[in-house]
Amino acid sequence: MKLKHIADTLLDEASPPARLQEALNAFVKLCTEISGVVPDRSFDAWAGDSLLKDGVAISPEAAAHCVHDTQRSVVFVRAAFAAIKAAQKRFANGPIDILYAGCGPFATILLPLLGRFNPDELTVHLLDIHQRSLDSVALIVKHCGLQTHRISYLQDDACNYQHPSNPHVVIAETMQKSLEQEPQFAVTANLAPQLQARGIFIPQKVEVALCLAKLDDETAAFRRGDTLDPNALVEAGNRYPLATVLCLTPEDAQRLKQQASQTDNDFLELSPVNVTIPATAHLDDFDAVLFTRIQAFEQHRLLDYEAEITLPLRCNELMPLHTEDRYRISLQIGRYPKFSVTRIRDD
């Protein structure tokens, strides 16, 4: 399957899931044969990862494996295409300047789209901490006959990188569920302020919500292929939303970081959210769970269970649940980003 056919399939809203997965498998096969980078979950502790001061940059092999997260890849590819088209309408006087941070070895979100644009329509900057990823993308670009496009390859840390101009579009998808481990927050806080006025940042919003949920029941339903509608679960009394513990947008990321406080263990801690466990029948049946929802661009979204990065994360620090217990919850950013939970005691 050629790159153009792969892009056509991914962008076609009528493509069934099996067809989308087939297209992504073909994309991985093409990229692997050209570059030699073989997708791998890389469960060996930190194998090939780069440990940054703002989070973990996963290895090229692990980044390549993310392509197999079908809905995640499809949503972000469609979001990028829609964003570029929107940027062309907003900025009609010249090429659209795109910065793709954490592009990985296959530049999955952007590479399939390049053939849909003339070389003079875009200026593309691919940024990654791993030179091997950049070398891989360069090989694929050349093999696919895309070298006439204006593409630069930048080896740097996206958490600190300063672009020489203000891009019209920034793509930065460097996250795990609940923003744990990877430096999505730090990348957003650094790059979003560098956008052109009225520029577009992908993703537009990442929201992490704390709920009480019957996680074992939901997981079993998910594995059966059942539809899990959060609103229906709430209406049925099988899920209780408690609080949005973080809403990360490009407009607010830098401000949130500036307002963060230093912790004893050398992390920065964002302003906390206080949560009280409600009086709920059969409280023992519930778990405290973090859910991640992502708006990549406009209508292109990832909701509960739709991708690996929107799978629930059990919040064990709140367990066992007790009515009226109070907690302070905040995202800690630093070497290993994660949510910190502290019990608020009456004394």
C-alpha atoms as a PDB file:
ATOM      1  CA  MET A   1       0.000   0.000   0.000  1.00  0.00           C
ATOM      2  CA  LYS A   2       1.570   3.301  -1.109  1.00  0.00           C
ATOM      3  CA  LEU A   3       1.758   6.358   1.119  1.00  0.00           C
ATOM      4  CA  LYS A   4      -0.946   8.211  -0.837  1.00  0.00           C
ATOM      5  CA  HIS A   5      -3.364   5.305  -0.467  1.00  0.00           C
ATOM      6  CA  ILE A   6      -2.535   5.084   3.243  1.00  0.00           C
ATOM      7  CA  ALA A   7      -3.311   8.796   3.679  1.00  0.00           C
ATOM      8  CA  ASP A   8      -6.538   8.514   1.676  1.00  0.00           C
ATOM      9  CA  THR A   9      -7.706   5.664   3.899  1.00  0.00           C
ATOM     10  CA  LEU A  10      -6.811   7.413   7.165  1.00  0.00           C
ATOM     11  CA  LEU A  11      -8.556  10.633   6.169  1.00  0.00           C
ATOM     12  CA  ASP A  12     -11.690   8.952   4.856  1.00  0.00           C
ATOM     13  CA  GLU A  13     -14.336   9.238   7.584  1.00  0.00           C
ATOM     14  CA  ALA A  14     -16.109   6.259   6.013  1.00  0.00           C
ATOM     15  CA  SER A  15     -13.127   3.902   6.462  1.00  0.00           C
ATOM     16  CA  PRO A  16     -14.109   1.037   8.797  1.00  0.00           C
ATOM     17  CA  PRO A  17     -11.836   0.195  11.754  1.00  0.00           C
ATOM     18  CA  ALA A  18     -10.362  -2.871  10.049  1.00  0.00           C
ATOM     19  CA  ARG A  19      -9.419  -0.800   7.018  1.00  0.00           C
ATOM     20  CA  LEU A  20      -7.824   1.862   9.180  1.00  0.00           C
ATOM     21  CA  GLN A  21      -5.788  -0.733  11.028  1.00  0.00           C
ATOM     22  CA  GLU A  22      -4.705  -2.263   7.725  1.00  0.00           C
ATOM     23  CA  ALA A  23      -3.533   1.147   6.497  1.00  0.00           C
ATOM     24  CA  LEU A  24      -1.527   1.775   9.670  1.00  0.00           C
ATOM     25  CA  ASN A  25       0.022  -1.690   9.486  1.00  0.00           C
ATOM     26  CA  ALA A  26       1.044  -0.920   5.907  1.00  0.00           C
ATOM     27  CA  PHE A  27       2.520   2.392   7.034  1.00  0.00           C
ATOM     28  CA  VAL A  28       4.560   0.678   9.753  1.00  0.00           C
ATOM     29  CA  LYS A  29       5.756  -2.002   7.318  1.00  0.00           C
ATOM     30  CA  LEU A  30       6.812   0.632   4.784  1.00  0.00           C
ATOM     31  CA  CYS A  31       8.645   2.742   7.362  1.00  0.00           C
ATOM     32  CA  THR A  32      10.329  -0.234   9.027  1.00  0.00           C
ATOM     33  CA  GLU A  33      11.607  -1.646   5.730  1.00  0.00           C
ATOM     34  CA  ILE A  34      13.095   1.724   4.802  1.00  0.00           C
ATOM     35  CA  SER A  35      14.514   2.834   8.145  1.00  0.00           C
ATOM     36  CA  GLY A  36      15.232  -0.410   9.984  1.00  0.00           C
ATOM     37  CA  VAL A  37      13.429   0.865  13.089  1.00  0.00           C
ATOM     38  CA  VAL A  38      11.249  -1.969  14.379  1.00  0.00           C
ATOM     39  CA  PRO A  39       8.302  -1.054  16.650  1.00  0.00           C
ATOM     40  CA  ASP A  40       8.690  -2.432  20.162  1.00  0.00           C
ATOM     41  CA  ARG A  41       6.701  -1.805  23.332  1.00  0.00           C
ATOM     42  CA  SER A  42      10.076  -1.555  25.113  1.00  0.00           C
ATOM     43  CA  PHE A  43       8.868  -2.903  28.436  1.00  0.00           C
ATOM     44  CA  ASP A  44      12.490  -3.397  29.513  1.00  0.00           C
ATOM     45  CA  ALA A  45      13.077  -0.669  32.080  1.00  0.00           C
ATOM     46  CA  TRP A  46      14.054   2.511  30.246  1.00  0.00           C
ATOM     47  CA  ALA A  47      15.484   0.569  27.289  1.00  0.00           C
ATOM     48  CA  GLY A  48      16.597   3.213  24.811  1.00  0.00           C
ATOM     49  CA  ASP A  49      14.597   5.965  26.535  1.00  0.00           C
ATOM     50  CA  SER A  50      16.079   9.368  27.311  1.00  0.00           C
ATOM     51  CA  LEU A  51      15.581  10.573  30.875  1.00  0.00           C
ATOM     52  CA  LEU A  52      15.046  14.326  30.670  1.00  0.00           C
ATOM     53  CA  LYS A  53      14.652  16.819  33.486  1.00  0.00           C
ATOM     54  CA  ASP A  54      11.003  17.250  32.447  1.00  0.00           C
ATOM     55  CA  GLY A  55      10.019  13.629  31.776  1.00  0.00           C
ATOM     56  CA  VAL A  56      10.897  10.524  29.825  1.00  0.00           C
ATOM     57  CA  ALA A  57      11.403  10.652  26.050  1.00  0.00           C
ATOM     58  CA  ILE A  58      10.559   7.125  24.977  1.00  0.00           C
ATOM     59  CA  SER A  59      12.859   5.261  22.603  1.00  0.00           C
ATOM     60  CA  PRO A  60      12.426   5.376  18.804  1.00  0.00           C
ATOM     61  CA  GLU A  61      11.180   1.785  18.883  1.00  0.00           C
ATOM     62  CA  ALA A  62       8.548   2.552  21.515  1.00  0.00           C
ATOM     63  CA  ALA A  63       7.511   5.693  19.631  1.00  0.00           C
ATOM     64  CA  ALA A  64       7.123   3.635  16.461  1.00  0.00           C
ATOM     65  CA  HIS A  65       4.942   1.158  18.334  1.00  0.00           C
ATOM     66  CA  CYS A  66       2.470   3.954  19.141  1.00  0.00           C
ATOM     67  CA  VAL A  67       1.345   3.845  15.487  1.00  0.00           C
ATOM     68  CA  HIS A  68      -0.489   0.605  16.318  1.00  0.00           C
ATOM     69  CA  ASP A  69      -2.774   2.535  18.692  1.00  0.00           C
ATOM     70  CA  THR A  70      -5.226   2.844  15.824  1.00  0.00           C
ATOM     71  CA  GLN A  71      -7.734   5.443  16.952  1.00  0.00           C
ATOM     72  CA  ARG A  72      -5.018   7.612  18.452  1.00  0.00           C
ATOM     73  CA  SER A  73      -3.068   7.678  15.183  1.00  0.00           C
ATOM     74  CA  VAL A  74      -6.150   8.249  13.033  1.00  0.00           C
ATOM     75  CA  VAL A  75      -7.517  11.080  15.186  1.00  0.00           C
ATOM     76  CA  PHE A  76      -4.207  12.942  15.267  1.00  0.00           C
ATOM     77  CA  VAL A  77      -3.582  12.515  11.517  1.00  0.00           C
ATOM     78  CA  ARG A  78      -7.054  13.873  10.768  1.00  0.00           C
ATOM     79  CA  ALA A  79      -6.569  16.676  13.274  1.00  0.00           C
ATOM     80  CA  ALA A  80      -3.257  17.680  11.694  1.00  0.00           C
ATOM     81  CA  PHE A  81      -4.780  17.753   8.216  1.00  0.00           C
ATOM     82  CA  ALA A  82      -7.730  19.847   9.397  1.00  0.00           C
ATOM     83  CA  ALA A  83      -5.391  22.193  11.304  1.00  0.00           C
ATOM     84  CA  ILE A  84      -3.145  22.774   8.297  1.00  0.00           C
ATOM     85  CA  LYS A  85      -6.178  23.514   6.135  1.00  0.00           C
ATOM     86  CA  ALA A  86      -7.485  25.926   8.779  1.00  0.00           C
ATOM     87  CA  ALA A  87      -4.073  27.600   9.018  1.00  0.00           C
ATOM     88  CA  GLN A  88      -3.993  28.094   5.249  1.00  0.00           C
ATOM     89  CA  LYS A  89      -7.223  30.059   5.529  1.00  0.00           C
ATOM     90  CA  ARG A  90      -5.957  32.122   8.463  1.00  0.00           C
ATOM     91  CA  PHE A  91      -2.518  32.798   6.986  1.00  0.00           C
ATOM     92  CA  ALA A  92      -3.023  33.135   3.252  1.00  0.00           C
ATOM     93  CA  ASN A  93       0.161  35.002   2.358  1.00  0.00           C
ATOM     94  CA  GLY A  94       2.773  32.297   2.374  1.00  0.00           C
ATOM     95  CA  PRO A  95       3.789  28.767   3.305  1.00  0.00           C
ATOM     96  CA  ILE A  96       2.467  27.321   6.565  1.00  0.00           C
ATOM     97  CA  ASP A  97       5.293  26.903   9.035  1.00  0.00           C
ATOM     98  CA  ILE A  98       4.870  23.653  10.989  1.00  0.00           C
ATOM     99  CA  LEU A  99       6.872  22.517  14.011  1.00  0.00           C
ATOM    100  CA  TYR A 100       6.361  18.838  14.853  1.00  0.00           C
ATOM    101  CA  ALA A 101       7.871  18.125  18.271  1.00  0.00           C
ATOM    102  CA  GLY A 102       8.614  14.545  19.292  1.00  0.00           C
ATOM    103  CA  CYS A 103       8.132  13.338  15.729  1.00  0.00           C
ATOM    104  CA  GLY A 104       9.591   9.897  16.430  1.00  0.00           C
ATOM    105  CA  PRO A 105      11.118   7.699  13.735  1.00  0.00           C
ATOM    106  CA  PHE A 106       8.080   7.726  11.419  1.00  0.00           C
ATOM    107  CA  ALA A 107       6.662  11.272  11.888  1.00  0.00           C
ATOM    108  CA  THR A 108       3.310   9.494  11.897  1.00  0.00           C
ATOM    109  CA  ILE A 109       1.018  12.472  12.373  1.00  0.00           C
ATOM    110  CA  LEU A 110       2.447  14.462   9.465  1.00  0.00           C
ATOM    111  CA  LEU A 111       4.360  12.251   7.029  1.00  0.00           C
ATOM    112  CA  PRO A 112       1.307  10.636   5.360  1.00  0.00           C
ATOM    113  CA  LEU A 113      -0.104  14.125   4.692  1.00  0.00           C
ATOM    114  CA  LEU A 114       2.851  15.746   2.920  1.00  0.00           C
ATOM    115  CA  GLY A 115       1.947  14.393  -0.500  1.00  0.00           C
ATOM    116  CA  ARG A 116      -1.385  16.232  -0.320  1.00  0.00           C
ATOM    117  CA  PHE A 117       0.409  19.587  -0.354  1.00  0.00           C
ATOM    118  CA  ASN A 118       2.679  21.192  -2.910  1.00  0.00           C
ATOM    119  CA  PRO A 119       6.266  21.666  -1.673  1.00  0.00           C
ATOM    120  CA  ASP A 120       5.849  25.456  -1.611  1.00  0.00           C
ATOM    121  CA  GLU A 121       2.745  25.283   0.636  1.00  0.00           C
ATOM    122  CA  LEU A 122       4.520  24.078   3.777  1.00  0.00           C
ATOM    123  CA  THR A 123       7.744  24.548   5.695  1.00  0.00           C
ATOM    124  CA  VAL A 124       8.202  21.609   8.053  1.00  0.00           C
ATOM    125  CA  HIS A 125      10.502  21.376  11.070  1.00  0.00           C
ATOM    126  CA  LEU A 126      10.817  17.915  12.620  1.00  0.00           C
ATOM    127  CA  LEU A 127      12.099  18.006  16.194  1.00  0.00           C
ATOM    128  CA  ASP A 128      13.161  15.017  18.288  1.00  0.00           C
ATOM    129  CA  ILE A 129      15.607  14.321  21.105  1.00  0.00           C
ATOM    130  CA  HIS A 130      16.795  11.145  19.365  1.00  0.00           C
ATOM    131  CA  GLN A 131      18.990  11.650  16.299  1.00  0.00           C
ATOM    132  CA  ARG A 132      18.162   8.092  15.239  1.00  0.00           C
ATOM    133  CA  SER A 133      14.505   9.077  14.883  1.00  0.00           C
ATOM    134  CA  LEU A 134      15.419  12.025  12.672  1.00  0.00           C
ATOM    135  CA  ASP A 135      17.717   9.879  10.546  1.00  0.00           C
ATOM    136  CA  SER A 136      14.866   7.391  10.144  1.00  0.00           C
ATOM    137  CA  VAL A 137      12.383  10.034   8.977  1.00  0.00           C
ATOM    138  CA  ALA A 138      14.922  11.457   6.522  1.00  0.00           C
ATOM    139  CA  LEU A 139      15.325   8.037   4.913  1.00  0.00           C
ATOM    140  CA  ILE A 140      11.559   7.599   4.599  1.00  0.00           C
ATOM    141  CA  VAL A 141      11.104  11.097   3.137  1.00  0.00           C
ATOM    142  CA  LYS A 142      13.736  10.385   0.495  1.00  0.00           C
ATOM    143  CA  HIS A 143      12.359   6.945  -0.353  1.00  0.00           C
ATOM    144  CA  CYS A 144       8.825   8.316  -0.775  1.00  0.00           C
ATOM    145  CA  GLY A 145      10.002  11.112  -3.089  1.00  0.00           C
ATOM    146  CA  LEU A 146       9.118  13.876  -0.643  1.00  0.00           C
ATOM    147  CA  GLN A 147      12.562  15.467  -0.468  1.00  0.00           C
ATOM    148  CA  THR A 148      11.416  18.437  -2.585  1.00  0.00           C
ATOM    149  CA  HIS A 149       9.335  19.527   0.404  1.00  0.00           C
ATOM    150  CA  ARG A 150      11.044  22.011   2.699  1.00  0.00           C
ATOM    151  CA  ILE A 151      11.871  19.841   5.706  1.00  0.00           C
ATOM    152  CA  SER A 152      14.446  20.499   8.413  1.00  0.00           C
ATOM    153  CA  TYR A 153      15.551  18.002  11.060  1.00  0.00           C
ATOM    154  CA  LEU A 154      16.258  19.340  14.553  1.00  0.00           C
ATOM    155  CA  GLN A 155      17.837  17.297  17.333  1.00  0.00           C
ATOM    156  CA  ASP A 156      16.858  18.980  20.607  1.00  0.00           C
ATOM    157  CA  ASP A 157      14.726  18.748  23.746  1.00  0.00           C
ATOM    158  CA  ALA A 158      11.232  20.074  22.977  1.00  0.00           C
ATOM    159  CA  CYS A 159      10.853  21.110  26.631  1.00  0.00           C
ATOM    160  CA  ASN A 160      13.488  23.838  26.124  1.00  0.00           C
ATOM    161  CA  TYR A 161      13.818  24.295  22.364  1.00  0.00           C
ATOM    162  CA  GLN A 162      13.475  27.854  21.036  1.00  0.00           C
ATOM    163  CA  HIS A 163      12.338  28.075  17.424  1.00  0.00           C
ATOM    164  CA  PRO A 164      13.898  30.915  15.380  1.00  0.00           C
ATOM    165  CA  SER A 165      10.489  31.976  14.049  1.00  0.00           C
ATOM    166  CA  ASN A 166       6.866  31.734  15.171  1.00  0.00           C
ATOM    167  CA  PRO A 167       5.248  28.666  13.591  1.00  0.00           C
ATOM    168  CA  HIS A 168       1.664  28.684  12.378  1.00  0.00           C
ATOM    169  CA  VAL A 169       1.082  25.100  13.570  1.00  0.00           C
ATOM    170  CA  VAL A 170       2.736  23.157  16.393  1.00  0.00           C
ATOM    171  CA  ILE A 171       2.143  19.412  16.737  1.00  0.00           C
ATOM    172  CA  ALA A 172       3.236  17.913  20.050  1.00  0.00           C
ATOM    173  CA  GLU A 173       1.876  14.520  21.078  1.00  0.00           C
ATOM    174  CA  THR A 174       4.239  13.209  23.754  1.00  0.00           C
ATOM    175  CA  MET A 175       1.919  11.739  26.342  1.00  0.00           C
ATOM    176  CA  GLN A 176       0.869   8.731  28.317  1.00  0.00           C
ATOM    177  CA  LYS A 177      -2.513   8.393  30.003  1.00  0.00           C
ATOM    178  CA  SER A 178      -3.045  10.899  32.826  1.00  0.00           C
ATOM    179  CA  LEU A 179       0.066  12.757  31.581  1.00  0.00           C
ATOM    180  CA  GLU A 180       2.258  10.387  33.565  1.00  0.00           C
ATOM    181  CA  GLN A 181       5.926   9.849  32.694  1.00  0.00           C
ATOM    182  CA  GLU A 182       6.179  11.763  29.400  1.00  0.00           C
ATOM    183  CA  PRO A 183       6.779  15.546  29.176  1.00  0.00           C
ATOM    184  CA  GLN A 184       3.543  16.679  27.462  1.00  0.00           C
ATOM    185  CA  PHE A 185       2.953  19.462  29.969  1.00  0.00           C
ATOM    186  CA  ALA A 186       6.497  20.839  29.754  1.00  0.00           C
ATOM    187  CA  VAL A 187       6.513  20.645  25.945  1.00  0.00           C
ATOM    188  CA  THR A 188       3.197  22.500  25.746  1.00  0.00           C
ATOM    189  CA  ALA A 189       4.287  25.181  28.211  1.00  0.00           C
ATOM    190  CA  ASN A 190       7.477  25.758  26.213  1.00  0.00           C
ATOM    191  CA  LEU A 191       6.207  25.650  22.630  1.00  0.00           C
ATOM    192  CA  ALA A 192       2.697  27.084  22.810  1.00  0.00           C
ATOM    193  CA  PRO A 193       3.886  30.641  23.583  1.00  0.00           C
ATOM    194  CA  GLN A 194       6.104  30.479  20.480  1.00  0.00           C
ATOM    195  CA  LEU A 195       3.118  30.140  18.135  1.00  0.00           C
ATOM    196  CA  GLN A 196       2.071  32.861  15.732  1.00  0.00           C
ATOM    197  CA  ALA A 197      -0.901  34.849  16.977  1.00  0.00           C
ATOM    198  CA  ARG A 198      -3.976  32.808  15.952  1.00  0.00           C
ATOM    199  CA  GLY A 199      -1.696  29.824  15.377  1.00  0.00           C
ATOM    200  CA  ILE A 200      -2.858  26.277  16.084  1.00  0.00           C
ATOM    201  CA  PHE A 201      -1.465  23.901  18.704  1.00  0.00           C
ATOM    202  CA  ILE A 202      -2.229  20.176  18.542  1.00  0.00           C
ATOM    203  CA  PRO A 203      -3.651  18.960  20.888  1.00  0.00           C
ATOM    204  CA  GLN A 204      -5.975  21.832  21.723  1.00  0.00           C
ATOM    205  CA  LYS A 205      -6.950  20.430  25.119  1.00  0.00           C
ATOM    206  CA  VAL A 206      -6.034  17.558  27.426  1.00  0.00           C
ATOM    207  CA  GLU A 207      -8.368  17.036  30.362  1.00  0.00           C
ATOM    208  CA  VAL A 208      -7.808  14.660  33.262  1.00  0.00           C
ATOM    209  CA  ALA A 209     -10.877  13.923  35.392  1.00  0.00           C
ATOM    210  CA  LEU A 210     -11.137  12.064  38.695  1.00  0.00           C
ATOM    211  CA  CYS A 211     -14.175   9.801  39.017  1.00  0.00           C
ATOM    212  CA  LEU A 212     -15.510   7.024  41.148  1.00  0.00           C
ATOM    213  CA  ALA A 213     -15.998   4.088  38.792  1.00  0.00           C
ATOM    214  CA  LYS A 214     -16.581   0.343  38.914  1.00  0.00           C
ATOM    215  CA  LEU A 215     -13.316  -0.198  37.100  1.00  0.00           C
ATOM    216  CA  ASP A 216     -13.358  -4.004  36.943  1.00  0.00           C
ATOM    217  CA  ASP A 217     -16.852  -3.938  35.413  1.00  0.00           C
ATOM    218  CA  GLU A 218     -15.877  -1.262  32.921  1.00  0.00           C
ATOM    219  CA  THR A 219     -12.681  -3.066  31.947  1.00  0.00           C
ATOM    220  CA  ALA A 220     -14.589  -6.310  31.375  1.00  0.00           C
ATOM    221  CA  ALA A 221     -17.148  -4.473  29.236  1.00  0.00           C
ATOM    222  CA  PHE A 222     -14.376  -2.814  27.239  1.00  0.00           C
ATOM    223  CA  ARG A 223     -12.701  -6.155  26.545  1.00  0.00           C
ATOM    224  CA  ARG A 224     -16.039  -7.549  25.347  1.00  0.00           C
ATOM    225  CA  GLY A 225     -16.267  -4.676  22.911  1.00  0.00           C
ATOM    226  CA  ASP A 226     -19.257  -3.067  24.629  1.00  0.00           C
ATOM    227  CA  THR A 227     -19.876   0.649  24.179  1.00  0.00           C
ATOM    228  CA  LEU A 228     -18.986   2.597  27.316  1.00  0.00           C
ATOM    229  CA  ASP A 229     -20.901   5.871  27.368  1.00  0.00           C
ATOM    230  CA  PRO A 230     -19.717   7.991  30.337  1.00  0.00           C
ATOM    231  CA  ASN A 231     -23.019   9.868  30.522  1.00  0.00           C
ATOM    232  CA  ALA A 232     -24.993   6.616  30.600  1.00  0.00           C
ATOM    233  CA  LEU A 233     -22.697   5.243  33.311  1.00  0.00           C
ATOM    234  CA  VAL A 234     -23.269   8.364  35.421  1.00  0.00           C
ATOM    235  CA  GLU A 235     -27.029   8.275  34.899  1.00  0.00           C
ATOM    236  CA  ALA A 236     -27.108   4.621  35.941  1.00  0.00           C
ATOM    237  CA  GLY A 237     -25.184   5.383  39.135  1.00  0.00           C
ATOM    238  CA  ASN A 238     -22.173   3.354  37.994  1.00  0.00           C
ATOM    239  CA  ARG A 239     -19.804   6.303  37.802  1.00  0.00           C
ATOM    240  CA  TYR A 240     -19.505   9.509  39.841  1.00  0.00           C
ATOM    241  CA  PRO A 241     -17.467  12.449  38.479  1.00  0.00           C
ATOM    242  CA  LEU A 242     -15.552  14.131  41.318  1.00  0.00           C
ATOM    243  CA  ALA A 243     -13.384  16.832  39.742  1.00  0.00           C
ATOM    244  CA  THR A 244     -11.362  17.900  36.739  1.00  0.00           C
ATOM    245  CA  VAL A 245      -7.878  17.704  38.230  1.00  0.00           C
ATOM    246  CA  LEU A 246      -6.172  19.240  35.192  1.00  0.00           C
ATOM    247  CA  CYS A 247      -7.223  21.028  32.028  1.00  0.00           C
ATOM    248  CA  LEU A 248      -4.148  21.546  29.857  1.00  0.00           C
ATOM    249  CA  THR A 249      -4.568  24.003  27.002  1.00  0.00           C
ATOM    250  CA  PRO A 250      -1.853  25.804  25.028  1.00  0.00           C
ATOM    251  CA  GLU A 251      -3.269  29.130  26.206  1.00  0.00           C
ATOM    252  CA  ASP A 252      -2.898  28.279  29.909  1.00  0.00           C
ATOM    253  CA  ALA A 253       0.116  25.956  30.106  1.00  0.00           C
ATOM    254  CA  GLN A 254       2.783  28.599  30.660  1.00  0.00           C
ATOM    255  CA  ARG A 255       0.658  30.404  33.265  1.00  0.00           C
ATOM    256  CA  LEU A 256       0.026  27.155  35.146  1.00  0.00           C
ATOM    257  CA  LYS A 257       3.752  26.433  35.183  1.00  0.00           C
ATOM    258  CA  GLN A 258       4.576  29.945  36.414  1.00  0.00           C
ATOM    259  CA  GLN A 259       2.087  29.521  39.268  1.00  0.00           C
ATOM    260  CA  ALA A 260       3.501  26.129  40.267  1.00  0.00           C
ATOM    261  CA  SER A 261       5.285  25.724  43.599  1.00  0.00           C
ATOM    262  CA  GLN A 262       8.540  23.922  44.360  1.00  0.00           C
ATOM    263  CA  THR A 263       8.272  20.644  46.294  1.00  0.00           C
ATOM    264  CA  ASP A 264      10.742  19.100  48.704  1.00  0.00           C
ATOM    265  CA  ASN A 265      11.703  16.443  46.154  1.00  0.00           C
ATOM    266  CA  ASP A 266      12.652  19.003  43.471  1.00  0.00           C
ATOM    267  CA  PHE A 267       9.426  18.797  41.467  1.00  0.00           C
ATOM    268  CA  LEU A 268       7.170  21.643  40.444  1.00  0.00           C
ATOM    269  CA  GLU A 269       3.623  21.160  41.666  1.00  0.00           C
ATOM    270  CA  LEU A 270       0.695  22.792  39.881  1.00  0.00           C
ATOM    271  CA  SER A 271      -2.074  24.446  41.875  1.00  0.00           C
ATOM    272  CA  PRO A 272      -3.978  21.624  43.612  1.00  0.00           C
ATOM    273  CA  VAL A 273      -7.614  20.607  43.412  1.00  0.00           C
ATOM    274  CA  ASN A 274      -9.384  19.552  46.616  1.00  0.00           C
ATOM    275  CA  VAL A 275     -11.688  16.538  46.441  1.00  0.00           C
ATOM    276  CA  THR A 276     -14.105  15.054  48.982  1.00  0.00           C
ATOM    277  CA  ILE A 277     -15.301  11.457  48.704  1.00  0.00           C
ATOM    278  CA  PRO A 278     -19.112  11.642  48.513  1.00  0.00           C
ATOM    279  CA  ALA A 279     -21.640   9.585  50.457  1.00  0.00           C
ATOM    280  CA  THR A 280     -22.476   6.927  47.895  1.00  0.00           C
ATOM    281  CA  ALA A 281     -24.345   3.663  48.236  1.00  0.00           C
ATOM    282  CA  HIS A 282     -22.101   0.606  47.965  1.00  0.00           C
ATOM    283  CA  LEU A 283     -18.941   2.730  48.055  1.00  0.00           C
ATOM    284  CA  ASP A 284     -16.845  -0.440  48.363  1.00  0.00           C
ATOM    285  CA  ASP A 285     -17.822  -1.343  44.789  1.00  0.00           C
ATOM    286  CA  PHE A 286     -16.060   1.724  43.382  1.00  0.00           C
ATOM    287  CA  ASP A 287     -12.490   2.699  42.561  1.00  0.00           C
ATOM    288  CA  ALA A 288     -10.956   6.153  42.338  1.00  0.00           C
ATOM    289  CA  VAL A 289      -9.983   6.497  38.685  1.00  0.00           C
ATOM    290  CA  LEU A 290      -8.314   9.105  36.478  1.00  0.00           C
ATOM    291  CA  PHE A 291      -9.754   9.459  32.970  1.00  0.00           C
ATOM    292  CA  THR A 292      -7.983  11.351  30.176  1.00  0.00           C
ATOM    293  CA  ARG A 293      -9.913  13.088  27.357  1.00  0.00           C
ATOM    294  CA  ILE A 294      -8.160  14.752  24.438  1.00  0.00           C
ATOM    295  CA  GLN A 295      -9.312  17.315  21.913  1.00  0.00           C
ATOM    296  CA  ALA A 296      -6.698  17.097  19.173  1.00  0.00           C
ATOM    297  CA  PHE A 297      -8.324  19.758  16.970  1.00  0.00           C
ATOM    298  CA  GLU A 298     -11.938  20.844  16.795  1.00  0.00           C
ATOM    299  CA  GLN A 299     -14.154  17.737  16.423  1.00  0.00           C
ATOM    300  CA  HIS A 300     -11.204  15.318  16.371  1.00  0.00           C
ATOM    301  CA  ARG A 301     -11.224  13.882  19.895  1.00  0.00           C
ATOM    302  CA  LEU A 302     -10.220  10.857  21.949  1.00  0.00           C
ATOM    303  CA  LEU A 303     -12.526   9.893  24.797  1.00  0.00           C
ATOM    304  CA  ASP A 304     -12.567   7.166  27.474  1.00  0.00           C
ATOM    305  CA  TYR A 305     -11.156   3.836  26.291  1.00  0.00           C
ATOM    306  CA  GLU A 306     -10.686   5.004  22.678  1.00  0.00           C
ATOM    307  CA  ALA A 307      -6.873   4.850  22.807  1.00  0.00           C
ATOM    308  CA  GLU A 308      -4.082   3.656  25.061  1.00  0.00           C
ATOM    309  CA  ILE A 309      -3.583   7.231  26.240  1.00  0.00           C
ATOM    310  CA  THR A 310      -7.241   7.514  27.292  1.00  0.00           C
ATOM    311  CA  LEU A 311      -7.428   4.242  29.202  1.00  0.00           C
ATOM    312  CA  PRO A 312      -8.317   4.720  32.896  1.00  0.00           C
ATOM    313  CA  LEU A 313      -5.666   4.849  35.584  1.00  0.00           C
ATOM    314  CA  ARG A 314      -6.599   3.615  39.056  1.00  0.00           C
ATOM    315  CA  CYS A 315      -5.715   6.200  41.701  1.00  0.00           C
ATOM    316  CA  ASN A 316      -4.567   3.853  44.467  1.00  0.00           C
ATOM    317  CA  GLU A 317      -3.669   6.704  46.830  1.00  0.00           C
ATOM    318  CA  LEU A 318      -7.396   7.254  47.507  1.00  0.00           C
ATOM    319  CA  MET A 319      -8.080   3.605  48.256  1.00  0.00           C
ATOM    320  CA  PRO A 320      -9.830   2.303  50.270  1.00  0.00           C
ATOM    321  CA  LEU A 321     -12.566   4.869  49.821  1.00  0.00           C
ATOM    322  CA  HIS A 322     -14.183   6.421  52.889  1.00  0.00           C
ATOM    323  CA  THR A 323     -17.060   8.880  52.829  1.00  0.00           C
ATOM    324  CA  GLU A 324     -16.045  12.477  53.602  1.00  0.00           C
ATOM    325  CA  ASP A 325     -12.314  11.783  53.263  1.00  0.00           C
ATOM    326  CA  ARG A 326     -10.654  14.811  51.686  1.00  0.00           C
ATOM    327  CA  TYR A 327      -7.676  14.880  49.325  1.00  0.00           C
ATOM    328  CA  ARG A 328      -5.430  17.402  47.654  1.00  0.00           C
ATOM    329  CA  ILE A 329      -4.527  16.418  44.059  1.00  0.00           C
ATOM    330  CA  SER A 330      -2.063  18.108  41.735  1.00  0.00           C
ATOM    331  CA  LEU A 331       0.171  17.348  38.779  1.00  0.00           C
ATOM    332  CA  GLN A 332       3.849  17.253  39.645  1.00  0.00           C
ATOM    333  CA  ILE A 333       6.156  18.072  36.759  1.00  0.00           C
ATOM    334  CA  GLY A 334       9.809  17.166  36.666  1.00  0.00           C
ATOM    335  CA  ARG A 335      11.863  14.059  35.944  1.00  0.00           C
ATOM    336  CA  TYR A 336       8.789  11.821  36.132  1.00  0.00           C
ATOM    337  CA  PRO A 337       5.511  13.748  35.773  1.00  0.00           C
ATOM    338  CA  LYS A 338       2.605  12.287  37.733  1.00  0.00           C
ATOM    339  CA  PHE A 339      -0.348  13.254  39.897  1.00  0.00           C
ATOM    340  CA  SER A 340       0.405  13.704  43.572  1.00  0.00           C
ATOM    341  CA  VAL A 341      -2.322  12.866  46.094  1.00  0.00           C
ATOM    342  CA  THR A 342      -2.240  14.025  49.736  1.00  0.00           C
ATOM    343  CA  ARG A 343      -4.850  13.255  52.365  1.00  0.00           C
ATOM    344  CA  ILE A 344      -6.186  16.367  54.097  1.00  0.00           C
ATOM    345  CA  ARG A 345      -6.442  15.614  57.798  1.00  0.00           C
ATOM    346  CA  ASP A 346      -8.640  17.547  60.203  1.00  0.00           C
ATOM    347  CA  ASP A 347      -5.729  18.153  62.569  1.00  0.00           C
END
